[in-house]
Structure formats: C-alpha cells, structure tokens
Amino acid sequence: MKTQDARLEDSGPEGRRSEAVATPDSSLSSSVSKSSASAKRWWHRWIRTPRELRAMGVVGINMRNARYLLPNNPRWLYDLVDNKLRTKDLAVEHHLAIPETYGVVRSPHDTARMDRLIGDRDSFVIKPARGSGGKGVLVIVAREGKYFLKPSGVKLTLDEIRHHCSNILAGLFSLGGRRDVAQIEYRVHPARVLTEISFQGAPDIRVVMLHGYPVMAMLRAATRESDGRANLHQGAIGIGIDLATGKTIRAIHHGHPIQLHPDLKVPVVGIQLPHWDAILDIAVTCHEMTGLGYLGVDVMIDEALGPLMIEVNARPGLAIQLANGVGLLRRLEPAVERCKSHPHDTHQQKLDFSRKTFAAK
C-alpha cells in the first residue's frame, strides 16, 4: 500500500486505486467481524480519495508544477540554485551566513591531493555541487587514527573518501547524471535544543516560499534509519512548524503522525526553535537573490554561528503538507491574492503578512 506521502507525489491511477480500496463493500457489511470493522476504520484514517485530498487543499505534483512552479520559475534561473557553488556565491553577495568552503574537487588530480584539502580537520562535509535529495552527501564527525568516522560510527579510509569524490565527479549523484564537482565544507554543529531531537545528525529547516511570502515550514531530523541525514525519503522525520512562532506543532515518520522520536523516544512537538526571525529573514532574502517565485530554502542552526543558509531548491517537495497537517493550497492561494493586491510589499511586509496569516490554528 502506498502511504499518503507517496500519493502526494502521484495523483494518477494510484490515487484512483486508493479510492476503490477506501470504499467499504456494502454487500459484505453484514458478515464482517468486529476485528475486520476495526481494521477498516484504521485504513480509513490513512487513505483519502482524490476528492477528499482536494477538499483538504492538498497539492499534488501535477498541480504544483502547472500552477506554481512552471509559471513562476523561469528555466534560465534554475542553475543559480541547482549549482550549490553558484548559490553560495550569491549568498555571499547578499550577506547571508553560509558554511565555510574548505575546498573544491574538480578533477581526478584533485582527489589525489585530498589529504591537503582536508588538512588536519576532524569534521567536515563533502557534497556534490549539483546533487539533490541528500544523495552523495558524506558527513565526517571525527577522526580515529587513520580513519574518518561517519555519524553512525562507520569508519572510512582516505582512499574510500577519494573514491566517493570520484563518484561525485562522474555524476553518480547529480541532477541528470551530469559530471559534477565535490565541495568540502564546514560541518554544522547543531544548536543544543536540536541535537536532543535528532539521531546522530544535524537537522535542517525547510521554508517553502511563493512570491517572497513564507507559506509553510518544517524541521527535518535524522534517525538511525536515515544514517544521520535529514532526508525524509531516507527515513528522517518531518516536523511541522508554526510560522508565527517557530514552535514545532506536528510530526510524521514515513507519512504517519508521531509524538516521539522513533529512536531517542523524546517529544518532538512543542519545541521552540531559536533564531526564528532570522530564519524567515534568510528565506525571504533567498527569493530576492534568486528571482525564483516558488522555492524551498534550507537552513541549519549552528550552536556558535546561528542560522546558516544551506541551499535553495527550485522544486520543493510536497511532504511538508503531511508534517504540518495542512494542504499547501490553503497557504499558496492567499499568497497569490496578496501578491496581486499588494504588488509592492516590502521584505518586512511579506514577513508580517505570512506570520499573521499562516499562524497555526
């Protein structure tokens, strides 16, 4: 069975199949046992028909592309965010705080001098410049003799790190399989309040924007299953955030609502995120620096440095709706109307509108 999260990415035939599954067969109702009836009620909590999803304001991938992404994101702007090195350059021009870049691996010759690029650093991150969905991101948290340790405790040799960089150069993790470059950068040390709700990895915050108005946000926290990565498709948890206050309000794991972290067994709802004003300010600035109308902005909170802009996504996913328990349509359309009625809203006016209009009920 597909989870509701998966169906958000596919509103075609699978959605129609789920409608058939969700509808009880009246001819069997007289013979169904109490246990079967209980199971059926359980199914109904998770399965929604396409009509019900529309009534909830849930945006599917086709609606996202046709109504919000394609009309507002010119193709020629994509490279500004698909290439993380270019995004970093833009961020510096707009005075946004970002993780420091230690080095860039552009050729096989560079992999041969990895020891000089890494130096004596105990922790760092290696990621493809054109990667997506967290693929190809290697996080090193410590050294133990000649070995480099991942968040899970797995030990890697320098040759294994070289091999990983070679795979990045070959395009193994990049959009469209294009040849790529690897960037070596500072590893974010999460604020203490966040380390308590994330398993051996740095959580990040995704803010979805339309026309410069923040419309929805979530925190993505790592689990044992996600191997320290804050990626929902790899098993991380998504935690909805109240745009007005920066407090966590709801959480999901594999599309199912949860209250406790699956590994740490600590509450993940009701957490106040620090630096919330600065995080929303970074998100609006990313709209201004890229020119993209519909985008997702990823931010991490470092214990010492505060909020850092990690990357910008021109095709933000839709699972954020599940994390918040609200369909994106109920946020996006008010932003569209506001943009039409107030086309000259300032940076601060956009922030004020979003925090007031999209506060958690």
Foldseek 3Di string as FASTA:
>chain_A
DAFVQVVLAPVPPVLVVLVVVLDDDVVCVVPDDPVRVVVSVVSNVTGDHPVRCVVQQAHHQVCCVPPAQVVFFDPVLQVCFLQQVNVVVLCVVVVFFAWAWQDKAQDLVVLVVVCVSCPPDFWKWKAWRRAPLPPLIFTFDGDDVQWTQALLRDTDHSVVVSVSQVCSQQQVGHVPSDGTMMIITDAFAAAPLQVLQARSAFKKKKFKAAQLATQWMWIFGHDVQLRRDSGQVSFTKIFTAFLQFQFTAWIDTSLHTDQARPPSRHGPGGRHDPPSVVVSLVSSVSCVSSSGRIKMWMWTQHNPPGIHTHGIGSSDDRCSCSNHVGHSSQRVVVVVVCCVVCVPQDSVSSSVCNSVVRGDD
